[in-house]
Each structure stands twice: as structure tokens, then as C-alpha cells.
């Protein structure tokens, strides 16, 4: 009888471990989906100039850094930066498609990192039209049970005139926003296409395990 009880206890312990592992996997999957939705929603808000909605997605101490313009710290500063961008109105086209996510959830389930790319198209009716691409290296944090953007860092890889294409060269990156100084200098000093710059990866190679 004692042997049977011991065997049952072992089975129960094994089941508990299995259930615990499944719960952890389910939590990671839920977090992955929530972060994908968060980042995609950010892109939709930016496309329509809904700057307050986009800023609301950041953590209170979140940061934003785009195109070497320096780092803006805190949700209020992120909001100021976004409101300094051009208005969305008739004759204005903004597209920032959020693509190709590589997301890793930290072991404690409270933080995460994600690499994305944004395919960009902007135009003013009768004026300039440009397209480009950016790589995001972002971090995320759970705040009161809801995922928020902790840091958004967009590296511009190319930016060019729409009617001429990248084979004619790129448009120089805008390094500042008029009347709005950053809280910290840019993290990296780089140039977009035709120069070569590979934004750093937050993760190791998933096959070889080597960091790059």
C-alpha cells in the first residue's frame, strides 16, 4: 500500500510540474500576442496622427528615440515629441507598417524585448513623397498587468524620394525636431543608406546561440 501511495504522489508531482510548465508556456504565448497587438496598434495610431493614443501606449518612464534625434524620456516627453510631428489632414499620407517581429519574454514574465521593421510611406498632395524602412529594437514592461512600450528605438535603414527610388541615393536623416531638444543625445551615431549600419540585435542567434 505504501508503495502505491508513493507512486501516486510521484504521479501527482509530475502532473503538477507539467501543469506548471504548460501555464508558463501559455503565459509566454499570451504575452507574445499582447505585445504584437500593442506594437501594431501603435503603428495604426501613428499612421493617423493620433499622437495622444500613441503616447498612452508607453510606460510612465518610457523612452523614445527615432532616427538619431536623441532620446526623449517619460510619457509626457514622448507625447511632446509626437505632437511636434506634422499634422494628419487632407492631402497627407502616413504609413508605418509594423512587420517581422522577433520577441523574447524575460524569465520573470514582466519584461520583454522585440525587434521589428517598419515599412514607411509618407506623402503630401502636390508636394514631396518619400518611402523608407526602419528597424525597431524595443523593450516592453508590464504595468498594472498591461503591456506597455518601455523603450522604442527606431533605426532608419533607408529613406528616399518615392519617384526616384533608392538607386538614386537616400535623403539625409533629420537629426532634430525644431524647438524640442532631447533629454539625452542619440545612442548611436550612424547614417542610413547608402551607408552601412546594422542595428544591434537584442538576441543571440536562435540556432548557433552566438551573440552578434
N, C-alpha and C. Protein backbone atom coordinates (compact mmCIF):
# COMPACT_ATOMS: atom_id res chain seq x y z
N UNK A 1 0.84 -1.22 0.00
CA UNK A 1 0.00 0.00 0.00
C UNK A 1 0.86 1.26 0.00
N UNK A 2 1.90 1.23 0.83
CA UNK A 2 2.78 2.41 0.89
C UNK A 2 3.46 2.67 -0.44
N UNK A 3 3.78 1.57 -1.16
CA UNK A 3 4.40 1.74 -2.48
C UNK A 3 3.43 2.39 -3.46
N UNK A 4 2.15 2.00 -3.38
CA UNK A 4 1.14 2.59 -4.26
C UNK A 4 0.96 4.08 -3.96
N UNK A 5 0.95 4.41 -2.68
CA UNK A 5 0.80 5.82 -2.28
C UNK A 5 2.00 6.63 -2.77
N UNK A 6 3.18 6.07 -2.62
CA UNK A 6 4.39 6.77 -3.08
C UNK A 6 4.34 6.98 -4.59
N UNK A 7 3.86 5.95 -5.32
CA UNK A 7 3.76 6.06 -6.77
C UNK A 7 2.75 7.13 -7.16
N UNK A 8 1.62 7.17 -6.44
CA UNK A 8 0.60 8.18 -6.71
C UNK A 8 1.14 9.59 -6.45
N UNK A 9 1.89 9.72 -5.37
CA UNK A 9 2.47 11.03 -5.07
C UNK A 9 3.44 11.47 -6.17
N UNK A 10 4.22 10.53 -6.65
CA UNK A 10 5.14 10.85 -7.75
C UNK A 10 4.37 11.28 -8.99
N UNK A 11 3.27 10.58 -9.27
CA UNK A 11 2.45 10.93 -10.44
C UNK A 11 1.85 12.32 -10.28
N UNK A 12 1.35 12.61 -9.08
CA UNK A 12 0.76 13.93 -8.81
C UNK A 12 1.81 15.02 -8.94
N UNK A 13 3.00 14.77 -8.40
CA UNK A 13 4.09 15.76 -8.50
C UNK A 13 4.46 16.00 -9.96
N UNK A 14 4.52 14.91 -10.74
CA UNK A 14 4.85 15.04 -12.16
C UNK A 14 3.79 15.84 -12.90
N UNK A 15 2.52 15.57 -12.56
CA UNK A 15 1.42 16.31 -13.19
C UNK A 15 1.48 17.78 -12.82
N UNK A 16 1.79 18.05 -11.57
CA UNK A 16 1.91 19.45 -11.14
C UNK A 16 3.01 20.17 -11.92
N UNK A 17 4.14 19.50 -12.08
CA UNK A 17 5.23 20.10 -12.85
C UNK A 17 4.81 20.34 -14.30
N UNK A 18 4.09 19.36 -14.87
CA UNK A 18 3.64 19.50 -16.25
C UNK A 18 2.66 20.66 -16.39
N UNK A 19 1.72 20.74 -15.45
CA UNK A 19 0.74 21.84 -15.49
C UNK A 19 1.44 23.18 -15.32
N UNK A 20 2.43 23.23 -14.41
CA UNK A 20 3.18 24.47 -14.22
C UNK A 20 3.91 24.89 -15.48
N UNK A 21 4.52 23.91 -16.17
CA UNK A 21 5.23 24.21 -17.42
C UNK A 21 4.26 24.70 -18.49
N UNK A 22 3.08 24.08 -18.56
CA UNK A 22 2.08 24.49 -19.54
C UNK A 22 1.57 25.90 -19.24
N UNK A 23 1.40 26.21 -17.96
CA UNK A 23 0.97 27.56 -17.58
C UNK A 23 2.01 28.60 -18.00
N UNK A 24 3.29 28.27 -17.80
CA UNK A 24 4.34 29.21 -18.20
C UNK A 24 4.35 29.42 -19.71
N UNK A 25 4.17 28.34 -20.46
CA UNK A 25 4.13 28.45 -21.92
C UNK A 25 2.92 29.27 -22.36
N UNK A 26 1.78 29.04 -21.72
CA UNK A 26 0.57 29.80 -22.06
C UNK A 26 0.76 31.28 -21.75
N UNK A 27 1.41 31.57 -20.63
CA UNK A 27 1.67 32.96 -20.27
C UNK A 27 2.57 33.64 -21.29
N UNK A 28 3.61 32.92 -21.73
CA UNK A 28 4.51 33.48 -22.74
C UNK A 28 3.76 33.74 -24.04
N UNK A 29 2.91 32.78 -24.43
CA UNK A 29 2.14 32.94 -25.67
C UNK A 29 1.19 34.13 -25.58
N UNK A 30 0.52 34.28 -24.43
CA UNK A 30 -0.38 35.42 -24.24
C UNK A 30 0.38 36.74 -24.29
N UNK A 31 1.55 36.77 -23.66
CA UNK A 31 2.36 37.99 -23.67
C UNK A 31 2.84 38.32 -25.07
N UNK A 32 3.24 37.29 -25.81
CA UNK A 32 3.69 37.49 -27.20
C UNK A 32 2.59 38.14 -28.02
N UNK A 33 1.37 37.60 -27.91
CA UNK A 33 0.24 38.15 -28.66
C UNK A 33 -0.07 39.57 -28.22
N UNK A 34 -0.05 39.82 -26.92
CA UNK A 34 -0.36 41.16 -26.42
C UNK A 34 0.66 42.18 -26.91
N UNK A 35 1.94 41.81 -26.95
CA UNK A 35 2.98 42.73 -27.42
C UNK A 35 2.83 42.98 -28.92
N UNK A 36 2.51 41.93 -29.68
CA UNK A 36 2.27 42.13 -31.12
C UNK A 36 1.12 43.11 -31.35
N UNK A 37 0.04 42.94 -30.59
CA UNK A 37 -1.10 43.85 -30.73
C UNK A 37 -0.74 45.26 -30.30
N UNK A 38 0.04 45.38 -29.24
CA UNK A 38 0.48 46.70 -28.76
C UNK A 38 1.28 47.42 -29.84
N UNK A 39 2.26 46.75 -30.41
CA UNK A 39 3.11 47.39 -31.41
C UNK A 39 2.33 47.71 -32.69
N UNK A 40 1.46 46.79 -33.10
CA UNK A 40 0.66 47.04 -34.30
C UNK A 40 -0.30 48.21 -34.08
N UNK A 41 -0.90 48.28 -32.90
CA UNK A 41 -1.80 49.39 -32.59
C UNK A 41 -1.05 50.72 -32.61
N UNK A 42 0.16 50.73 -32.07
CA UNK A 42 0.99 51.94 -32.13
C UNK A 42 1.15 52.39 -33.57
N UNK A 43 1.45 51.46 -34.47
CA UNK A 43 1.61 51.82 -35.88
C UNK A 43 0.36 52.42 -36.48
N UNK A 44 -0.80 51.85 -36.16
CA UNK A 44 -2.06 52.39 -36.68
C UNK A 44 -2.32 53.81 -36.16
N UNK A 45 -2.04 54.04 -34.89
CA UNK A 45 -2.26 55.37 -34.32
C UNK A 45 -1.33 56.40 -34.96
N UNK A 46 -0.06 56.03 -35.14
CA UNK A 46 0.89 56.95 -35.76
C UNK A 46 0.47 57.27 -37.19
N UNK A 47 -0.04 56.28 -37.90
CA UNK A 47 -0.45 56.49 -39.30
C UNK A 47 -1.54 57.55 -39.43
N UNK A 48 -2.37 57.70 -38.42
CA UNK A 48 -3.48 58.66 -38.47
C UNK A 48 -3.22 59.89 -37.62
N UNK A 49 -1.99 60.08 -37.18
CA UNK A 49 -1.67 61.26 -36.40
C UNK A 49 -2.37 61.31 -35.06
N UNK A 50 -2.71 60.14 -34.51
CA UNK A 50 -3.38 60.08 -33.21
C UNK A 50 -2.29 60.03 -32.13
N UNK A 51 -1.67 61.16 -31.92
CA UNK A 51 -0.47 61.23 -31.10
C UNK A 51 -0.73 60.90 -29.64
N UNK A 52 -1.84 61.33 -29.09
CA UNK A 52 -2.13 61.03 -27.69
C UNK A 52 -2.34 59.53 -27.49
N UNK A 53 -3.06 58.90 -28.41
CA UNK A 53 -3.28 57.46 -28.30
C UNK A 53 -1.95 56.71 -28.38
N UNK A 54 -1.06 57.15 -29.27
CA UNK A 54 0.25 56.51 -29.39
C UNK A 54 1.07 56.71 -28.12
N UNK A 55 1.05 57.91 -27.56
CA UNK A 55 1.83 58.19 -26.34
C UNK A 55 1.30 57.41 -25.16
N UNK A 56 -0.01 57.18 -25.11
CA UNK A 56 -0.60 56.43 -24.00
C UNK A 56 -0.08 55.00 -23.92
N UNK A 57 0.51 54.49 -24.98
CA UNK A 57 0.98 53.11 -25.01
C UNK A 57 2.34 52.94 -24.35
N UNK A 58 2.97 54.05 -23.97
CA UNK A 58 4.28 54.00 -23.32
C UNK A 58 4.14 53.88 -21.81
N UNK A 59 5.12 53.25 -21.19
CA UNK A 59 5.20 53.23 -19.73
C UNK A 59 5.44 54.66 -19.23
N UNK A 60 5.07 54.96 -17.98
CA UNK A 60 5.28 56.32 -17.47
C UNK A 60 6.71 56.81 -17.61
N UNK A 61 7.68 55.92 -17.46
CA UNK A 61 9.09 56.29 -17.62
C UNK A 61 9.66 55.79 -18.94
N UNK A 62 8.79 55.53 -19.91
CA UNK A 62 9.23 55.01 -21.20
C UNK A 62 10.06 56.02 -21.98
N UNK A 63 10.79 55.52 -22.97
CA UNK A 63 11.66 56.38 -23.78
C UNK A 63 11.37 56.17 -25.26
N UNK A 64 11.70 57.19 -26.04
CA UNK A 64 11.53 57.15 -27.49
C UNK A 64 12.77 57.73 -28.15
N UNK A 65 13.27 57.04 -29.16
CA UNK A 65 14.42 57.51 -29.93
C UNK A 65 14.23 57.12 -31.38
N UNK A 66 14.20 58.10 -32.27
CA UNK A 66 13.94 57.85 -33.69
C UNK A 66 14.98 58.57 -34.53
N UNK A 67 15.61 57.83 -35.43
CA UNK A 67 16.46 58.41 -36.48
C UNK A 67 17.59 59.28 -35.95
N UNK A 68 18.18 58.92 -34.85
CA UNK A 68 19.32 59.68 -34.36
C UNK A 68 18.98 61.06 -33.83
N UNK A 69 17.71 61.28 -33.45
CA UNK A 69 17.28 62.60 -32.97
C UNK A 69 17.43 62.76 -31.46
N UNK A 70 18.01 61.79 -30.81
CA UNK A 70 18.15 61.84 -29.37
C UNK A 70 17.05 61.09 -28.66
N UNK A 71 17.18 61.00 -27.35
CA UNK A 71 16.27 60.20 -26.52
C UNK A 71 15.33 61.12 -25.75
N UNK A 72 14.04 60.81 -25.81
CA UNK A 72 13.02 61.54 -25.05
C UNK A 72 12.53 60.62 -23.93
N UNK A 73 12.58 61.12 -22.71
CA UNK A 73 12.38 60.27 -21.53
C UNK A 73 11.08 60.64 -20.82
N UNK A 74 10.24 59.64 -20.62
CA UNK A 74 8.97 59.83 -19.92
C UNK A 74 7.82 60.00 -20.89
N UNK A 75 6.65 59.55 -20.46
CA UNK A 75 5.48 59.58 -21.34
C UNK A 75 5.13 61.00 -21.79
N UNK A 76 5.27 61.97 -20.91
CA UNK A 76 4.95 63.35 -21.28
C UNK A 76 5.88 63.86 -22.38
N UNK A 77 7.16 63.50 -22.30
CA UNK A 77 8.11 63.93 -23.33
C UNK A 77 7.87 63.20 -24.64
N UNK A 78 7.49 61.95 -24.55
CA UNK A 78 7.12 61.21 -25.76
C UNK A 78 5.93 61.89 -26.43
N UNK A 79 4.96 62.31 -25.62
CA UNK A 79 3.78 62.99 -26.16
C UNK A 79 4.19 64.31 -26.83
N UNK A 80 5.09 65.06 -26.21
CA UNK A 80 5.55 66.31 -26.80
C UNK A 80 6.22 66.06 -28.15
N UNK A 81 7.06 65.04 -28.20
CA UNK A 81 7.74 64.72 -29.45
C UNK A 81 6.72 64.39 -30.55
N UNK A 82 5.77 63.54 -30.24
CA UNK A 82 4.80 63.13 -31.25
C UNK A 82 3.96 64.32 -31.73
N UNK A 83 3.58 65.19 -30.81
CA UNK A 83 2.78 66.35 -31.20
C UNK A 83 3.59 67.36 -32.02
N UNK A 84 4.91 67.25 -31.99
CA UNK A 84 5.75 68.13 -32.81
C UNK A 84 5.85 67.66 -34.26
N UNK A 85 5.33 66.47 -34.54
CA UNK A 85 5.36 65.94 -35.91
C UNK A 85 4.24 66.58 -36.73
N UNK A 86 4.30 66.46 -38.07
CA UNK A 86 3.28 67.10 -38.91
C UNK A 86 1.87 66.60 -38.60
N UNK A 87 0.91 67.48 -38.79
CA UNK A 87 -0.50 67.12 -38.57
C UNK A 87 -0.97 66.17 -39.66
N UNK A 88 -1.90 65.29 -39.27
CA UNK A 88 -2.56 64.43 -40.25
C UNK A 88 -3.84 65.13 -40.69
N UNK A 89 -3.93 65.42 -41.98
CA UNK A 89 -5.07 66.16 -42.52
C UNK A 89 -5.22 65.80 -43.99
N UNK A 90 -6.15 66.44 -44.65
CA UNK A 90 -6.38 66.15 -46.06
C UNK A 90 -5.09 66.36 -46.86
N UNK A 91 -4.81 65.43 -47.75
CA UNK A 91 -3.62 65.53 -48.58
C UNK A 91 -2.36 65.00 -47.93
N UNK A 92 -2.49 64.45 -46.72
CA UNK A 92 -1.33 63.90 -46.01
C UNK A 92 -1.48 62.39 -45.91
N UNK A 93 -0.42 61.67 -46.23
CA UNK A 93 -0.41 60.22 -46.14
C UNK A 93 0.73 59.77 -45.23
N UNK A 94 0.39 59.03 -44.20
CA UNK A 94 1.39 58.40 -43.33
C UNK A 94 1.14 56.90 -43.33
N UNK A 95 2.16 56.11 -43.57
CA UNK A 95 2.07 54.66 -43.41
C UNK A 95 3.34 54.17 -42.72
N UNK A 96 3.17 53.45 -41.62
CA UNK A 96 4.30 52.86 -40.89
C UNK A 96 3.90 51.42 -40.55
N UNK A 97 4.06 50.52 -41.50
CA UNK A 97 3.64 49.13 -41.31
C UNK A 97 4.61 48.41 -40.38
N UNK A 98 4.08 47.80 -39.34
CA UNK A 98 4.88 47.12 -38.32
C UNK A 98 5.02 45.64 -38.70
N UNK A 99 6.24 45.21 -39.01
CA UNK A 99 6.44 43.91 -39.64
C UNK A 99 7.54 43.10 -38.96
N UNK A 100 7.54 41.79 -39.20
CA UNK A 100 8.63 40.86 -38.93
C UNK A 100 9.08 40.86 -37.47
N UNK A 101 8.17 40.61 -36.52
CA UNK A 101 8.56 40.66 -35.11
C UNK A 101 9.42 39.47 -34.67
N UNK A 102 10.41 39.76 -33.86
CA UNK A 102 11.17 38.73 -33.12
C UNK A 102 11.10 39.15 -31.66
N UNK A 103 10.34 38.41 -30.86
CA UNK A 103 10.01 38.83 -29.49
C UNK A 103 10.52 37.80 -28.49
N UNK A 104 11.11 38.29 -27.42
CA UNK A 104 11.57 37.42 -26.34
C UNK A 104 11.04 37.96 -25.01
N UNK A 105 10.38 37.09 -24.26
CA UNK A 105 9.84 37.44 -22.95
C UNK A 105 10.87 37.07 -21.88
N UNK A 106 11.17 37.99 -20.98
CA UNK A 106 12.12 37.69 -19.90
C UNK A 106 11.57 36.58 -18.99
N UNK A 107 12.47 35.91 -18.28
CA UNK A 107 12.09 34.76 -17.47
C UNK A 107 11.07 35.10 -16.38
N UNK A 108 11.09 36.35 -15.89
CA UNK A 108 10.13 36.72 -14.85
C UNK A 108 8.76 37.10 -15.41
N UNK A 109 8.65 37.16 -16.74
CA UNK A 109 7.37 37.47 -17.37
C UNK A 109 6.94 38.91 -17.25
N UNK A 110 7.81 39.77 -16.75
CA UNK A 110 7.45 41.17 -16.52
C UNK A 110 7.99 42.11 -17.59
N UNK A 111 9.00 41.66 -18.31
CA UNK A 111 9.63 42.49 -19.33
C UNK A 111 9.84 41.68 -20.60
N UNK A 112 10.04 42.37 -21.69
CA UNK A 112 10.25 41.70 -22.97
C UNK A 112 11.03 42.61 -23.90
N UNK A 113 11.57 42.02 -24.95
CA UNK A 113 12.28 42.76 -25.98
C UNK A 113 11.76 42.32 -27.35
N UNK A 114 11.74 43.25 -28.28
CA UNK A 114 11.25 42.92 -29.61
C UNK A 114 12.01 43.67 -30.69
N UNK A 115 12.27 42.96 -31.78
CA UNK A 115 12.87 43.57 -32.96
C UNK A 115 11.82 43.53 -34.07
N UNK A 116 11.61 44.67 -34.69
CA UNK A 116 10.62 44.81 -35.75
C UNK A 116 11.24 45.59 -36.90
N UNK A 117 10.50 45.65 -37.99
CA UNK A 117 10.84 46.61 -39.03
C UNK A 117 9.57 47.34 -39.43
N UNK A 118 9.72 48.59 -39.79
CA UNK A 118 8.60 49.40 -40.26
C UNK A 118 8.85 49.78 -41.71
N UNK A 119 7.89 49.48 -42.56
CA UNK A 119 7.94 49.95 -43.94
C UNK A 119 7.18 51.27 -43.99
N UNK A 120 7.83 52.31 -44.46
CA UNK A 120 7.33 53.68 -44.30
C UNK A 120 7.00 54.30 -45.65
N UNK A 121 5.86 54.95 -45.73
CA UNK A 121 5.48 55.75 -46.89
C UNK A 121 4.80 57.01 -46.38
N UNK A 122 5.34 58.17 -46.76
CA UNK A 122 4.71 59.44 -46.39
C UNK A 122 4.60 60.32 -47.63
N UNK A 123 3.55 61.12 -47.69
CA UNK A 123 3.36 61.98 -48.86
C UNK A 123 2.46 63.15 -48.50
N UNK A 124 2.69 64.26 -49.20
CA UNK A 124 1.85 65.44 -49.14
C UNK A 124 1.34 65.72 -50.55
N UNK A 125 0.04 65.81 -50.70
CA UNK A 125 -0.56 66.00 -52.01
C UNK A 125 0.02 67.22 -52.70
N UNK A 126 0.56 67.02 -53.90
CA UNK A 126 1.18 68.10 -54.63
C UNK A 126 2.56 68.46 -54.15
N UNK A 127 3.07 67.75 -53.15
CA UNK A 127 4.39 68.05 -52.58
C UNK A 127 5.29 66.83 -52.60
N UNK A 128 6.06 66.67 -51.55
CA UNK A 128 7.03 65.58 -51.53
C UNK A 128 6.36 64.25 -51.18
N UNK A 129 6.99 63.19 -51.65
CA UNK A 129 6.58 61.83 -51.32
C UNK A 129 7.85 61.02 -51.10
N UNK A 130 7.89 60.31 -49.98
CA UNK A 130 9.09 59.54 -49.65
C UNK A 130 8.70 58.18 -49.08
N UNK A 131 9.64 57.26 -49.23
CA UNK A 131 9.45 55.97 -48.61
C UNK A 131 10.74 55.53 -47.97
N UNK A 132 10.63 54.60 -47.04
CA UNK A 132 11.81 54.17 -46.32
C UNK A 132 11.52 52.97 -45.45
N UNK A 133 12.49 52.64 -44.62
CA UNK A 133 12.36 51.50 -43.73
C UNK A 133 13.13 51.78 -42.46
N UNK A 134 12.61 51.27 -41.36
CA UNK A 134 13.28 51.41 -40.07
C UNK A 134 13.28 50.06 -39.36
N UNK A 135 14.33 49.81 -38.59
CA UNK A 135 14.38 48.64 -37.71
C UNK A 135 14.17 49.14 -36.28
N UNK A 136 13.23 48.51 -35.59
CA UNK A 136 13.00 48.81 -34.18
C UNK A 136 13.74 47.80 -33.31
N UNK A 137 14.39 48.30 -32.27
CA UNK A 137 14.82 47.45 -31.15
C UNK A 137 14.13 48.03 -29.92
N UNK A 138 13.05 47.38 -29.51
CA UNK A 138 12.19 47.91 -28.46
C UNK A 138 12.23 47.04 -27.21
N UNK A 139 11.83 47.62 -26.10
CA UNK A 139 11.60 46.85 -24.88
C UNK A 139 10.20 47.16 -24.37
N UNK A 140 9.66 46.23 -23.59
CA UNK A 140 8.29 46.32 -23.11
C UNK A 140 8.26 45.94 -21.63
N UNK A 141 7.24 46.46 -20.94
CA UNK A 141 7.13 46.19 -19.50
C UNK A 141 5.67 46.08 -19.11
N UNK A 142 5.39 45.15 -18.20
CA UNK A 142 4.04 45.05 -17.65
C UNK A 142 3.82 46.15 -16.62
N UNK A 143 2.78 46.93 -16.81
CA UNK A 143 2.42 47.98 -15.87
C UNK A 143 0.97 47.72 -15.45
N UNK A 144 0.79 47.38 -14.19
CA UNK A 144 -0.55 47.04 -13.67
C UNK A 144 -1.22 45.98 -14.54
N UNK A 145 -0.43 44.98 -14.94
CA UNK A 145 -0.97 43.85 -15.69
C UNK A 145 -1.17 44.10 -17.17
N UNK A 146 -0.76 45.25 -17.68
CA UNK A 146 -0.94 45.59 -19.10
C UNK A 146 0.44 45.87 -19.71
N UNK A 147 0.70 45.26 -20.86
CA UNK A 147 1.98 45.51 -21.54
C UNK A 147 2.02 46.92 -22.10
N UNK A 148 3.15 47.59 -21.88
CA UNK A 148 3.38 48.92 -22.44
C UNK A 148 4.77 48.98 -23.07
N UNK A 149 4.98 49.98 -23.90
CA UNK A 149 6.29 50.19 -24.50
C UNK A 149 7.19 50.85 -23.47
N UNK A 150 8.28 50.18 -23.12
CA UNK A 150 9.26 50.76 -22.21
C UNK A 150 10.27 51.62 -22.97
N UNK A 151 10.71 51.12 -24.10
CA UNK A 151 11.61 51.92 -24.94
C UNK A 151 11.34 51.59 -26.40
N UNK A 152 11.23 52.62 -27.21
CA UNK A 152 11.08 52.46 -28.65
C UNK A 152 12.29 53.13 -29.30
N UNK A 153 13.06 52.33 -30.03
CA UNK A 153 14.26 52.83 -30.69
C UNK A 153 14.19 52.44 -32.16
N UNK A 154 13.97 53.43 -33.01
CA UNK A 154 13.84 53.20 -34.45
C UNK A 154 15.11 53.63 -35.17
N UNK A 155 15.76 52.67 -35.82
CA UNK A 155 16.94 52.94 -36.64
C UNK A 155 16.50 53.04 -38.10
N UNK A 156 16.70 54.19 -38.72
CA UNK A 156 16.36 54.33 -40.13
C UNK A 156 17.41 53.62 -40.97
N UNK A 157 16.96 52.70 -41.83
CA UNK A 157 17.90 51.99 -42.69
C UNK A 157 17.98 52.61 -44.08
N UNK A 158 16.82 53.05 -44.61
CA UNK A 158 16.87 53.85 -45.84
C UNK A 158 15.68 54.80 -45.87
N UNK A 159 15.87 55.90 -46.57
CA UNK A 159 14.83 56.93 -46.69
C UNK A 159 15.12 57.66 -47.99
N UNK A 160 14.18 57.64 -48.93
CA UNK A 160 14.48 58.18 -50.26
C UNK A 160 13.24 58.79 -50.89
N UNK A 161 13.48 59.52 -51.98
CA UNK A 161 12.38 60.11 -52.74
C UNK A 161 11.60 59.00 -53.43
N UNK A 162 10.27 59.05 -53.34
CA UNK A 162 9.44 57.97 -53.87
C UNK A 162 9.59 57.83 -55.38
N UNK A 163 9.63 58.95 -56.09
CA UNK A 163 9.64 58.88 -57.55
C UNK A 163 11.01 58.54 -58.12
N UNK A 164 12.05 58.61 -57.31
CA UNK A 164 13.40 58.32 -57.79
C UNK A 164 13.91 56.96 -57.34
N UNK A 165 13.52 56.55 -56.15
CA UNK A 165 13.92 55.24 -55.67
C UNK A 165 15.28 55.24 -55.01
N UNK A 166 15.59 54.17 -54.26
CA UNK A 166 16.85 54.12 -53.52
C UNK A 166 18.08 54.02 -54.40
N UNK A 167 17.92 53.61 -55.66
CA UNK A 167 19.11 53.52 -56.53
C UNK A 167 19.69 54.90 -56.84
N UNK A 168 18.95 55.97 -56.54
CA UNK A 168 19.47 57.32 -56.73
C UNK A 168 20.01 57.90 -55.42
N UNK A 169 20.08 57.08 -54.38
CA UNK A 169 20.61 57.56 -53.11
C UNK A 169 19.50 57.85 -52.11
N UNK A 170 19.90 58.21 -50.91
CA UNK A 170 18.94 58.44 -49.85
C UNK A 170 18.81 59.90 -49.49
N UNK A 171 17.74 60.20 -48.75
CA UNK A 171 17.53 61.53 -48.19
C UNK A 171 18.22 61.58 -46.83
N UNK A 172 19.03 62.59 -46.55
CA UNK A 172 19.70 62.67 -45.24
C UNK A 172 18.69 62.65 -44.09
N UNK A 173 19.04 61.97 -43.03
CA UNK A 173 18.15 61.89 -41.87
C UNK A 173 18.04 63.25 -41.19
N UNK A 174 16.82 63.57 -40.75
CA UNK A 174 16.61 64.78 -39.95
C UNK A 174 17.09 64.49 -38.53
N UNK A 175 18.03 65.28 -38.06
CA UNK A 175 18.68 64.99 -36.78
C UNK A 175 18.04 65.68 -35.59
N UNK A 176 17.03 66.51 -35.82
CA UNK A 176 16.43 67.21 -34.68
C UNK A 176 15.00 67.60 -35.02
N UNK A 177 14.26 67.93 -34.00
CA UNK A 177 12.90 68.47 -34.12
C UNK A 177 12.96 69.92 -33.69
N UNK A 178 12.55 70.81 -34.57
CA UNK A 178 12.63 72.25 -34.27
C UNK A 178 11.92 72.57 -32.96
N UNK A 179 12.65 73.25 -32.08
CA UNK A 179 12.06 73.72 -30.83
C UNK A 179 11.88 72.67 -29.76
N UNK A 180 12.40 71.46 -29.98
CA UNK A 180 12.22 70.39 -29.00
C UNK A 180 13.53 69.63 -28.83
N UNK A 181 14.25 69.96 -27.78
CA UNK A 181 15.53 69.32 -27.51
C UNK A 181 15.34 67.97 -26.81
N UNK A 182 16.15 66.97 -27.15
CA UNK A 182 16.04 65.67 -26.48
C UNK A 182 16.57 65.73 -25.05
N UNK A 183 16.23 64.71 -24.28
CA UNK A 183 16.73 64.61 -22.91
C UNK A 183 18.12 63.99 -22.84
N UNK A 184 18.46 63.19 -23.84
CA UNK A 184 19.79 62.60 -23.94
C UNK A 184 20.21 62.59 -25.40
N UNK A 185 21.51 62.62 -25.68
CA UNK A 185 21.97 62.53 -27.07
C UNK A 185 21.60 61.17 -27.67
N UNK A 186 21.71 61.09 -28.98
CA UNK A 186 21.43 59.83 -29.67
C UNK A 186 22.34 58.72 -29.16
N UNK A 187 21.80 57.52 -29.07
CA UNK A 187 22.56 56.38 -28.57
C UNK A 187 23.65 55.95 -29.54
N UNK A 188 23.36 56.04 -30.84
CA UNK A 188 24.32 55.64 -31.87
C UNK A 188 24.47 56.77 -32.89
N UNK A 189 25.69 56.94 -33.36
CA UNK A 189 25.97 57.90 -34.43
C UNK A 189 26.10 57.10 -35.72
N UNK A 190 25.11 57.21 -36.59
CA UNK A 190 25.11 56.40 -37.81
C UNK A 190 24.42 57.16 -38.93
N UNK A 191 24.57 56.65 -40.14
CA UNK A 191 23.88 57.18 -41.31
C UNK A 191 23.12 56.05 -41.98
N UNK A 192 22.02 56.40 -42.63
CA UNK A 192 21.22 55.42 -43.35
C UNK A 192 21.82 55.17 -44.74
N UNK A 193 21.17 54.31 -45.52
CA UNK A 193 21.59 54.02 -46.89
C UNK A 193 21.87 55.31 -47.66
N UNK A 194 22.96 55.36 -48.41
CA UNK A 194 23.80 54.26 -48.90
C UNK A 194 24.90 53.81 -47.94
N UNK A 195 25.00 54.43 -46.76
CA UNK A 195 25.97 53.95 -45.78
C UNK A 195 25.49 52.62 -45.19
N UNK A 196 26.39 51.92 -44.53
CA UNK A 196 26.08 50.61 -43.96
C UNK A 196 26.08 50.70 -42.44
N UNK A 197 24.95 50.34 -41.85
CA UNK A 197 24.86 50.27 -40.39
C UNK A 197 23.86 49.17 -40.05
N UNK A 198 24.27 48.22 -39.23
CA UNK A 198 23.39 47.13 -38.80
C UNK A 198 22.97 47.39 -37.36
N UNK A 199 21.70 47.69 -37.11
CA UNK A 199 21.25 47.92 -35.73
C UNK A 199 21.53 46.71 -34.86
N UNK A 200 22.02 46.92 -33.64
CA UNK A 200 22.37 45.79 -32.77
C UNK A 200 21.16 44.92 -32.45
N UNK A 201 21.41 43.63 -32.32
CA UNK A 201 20.36 42.66 -32.00
C UNK A 201 20.28 42.46 -30.49
N UNK A 202 19.07 42.38 -29.97
CA UNK A 202 18.91 42.12 -28.53
C UNK A 202 19.05 40.63 -28.21
N UNK A 203 19.13 39.79 -29.22
CA UNK A 203 19.10 38.34 -29.02
C UNK A 203 20.28 37.66 -29.69
N UNK A 204 20.60 36.46 -29.20
CA UNK A 204 21.62 35.63 -29.83
C UNK A 204 20.99 34.86 -31.00
N UNK A 205 21.84 34.37 -31.88
CA UNK A 205 21.37 33.54 -32.99
C UNK A 205 20.58 32.35 -32.42
N UNK A 206 19.32 32.16 -32.86
CA UNK A 206 18.49 31.11 -32.25
C UNK A 206 18.97 29.69 -32.55
N UNK A 207 19.86 29.52 -33.52
CA UNK A 207 20.38 28.19 -33.85
C UNK A 207 21.76 27.98 -33.25
N UNK A 208 22.67 28.91 -33.52
CA UNK A 208 24.05 28.74 -33.04
C UNK A 208 24.25 29.20 -31.60
N UNK A 209 23.35 30.09 -31.14
CA UNK A 209 23.50 30.63 -29.79
C UNK A 209 24.52 31.75 -29.69
N UNK A 210 25.09 32.14 -30.82
CA UNK A 210 26.12 33.18 -30.81
C UNK A 210 25.48 34.57 -30.81
N UNK A 211 26.03 35.44 -29.99
CA UNK A 211 25.60 36.85 -29.99
C UNK A 211 26.26 37.56 -31.16
N UNK A 212 25.57 38.56 -31.70
CA UNK A 212 26.15 39.32 -32.81
C UNK A 212 26.31 40.76 -32.40
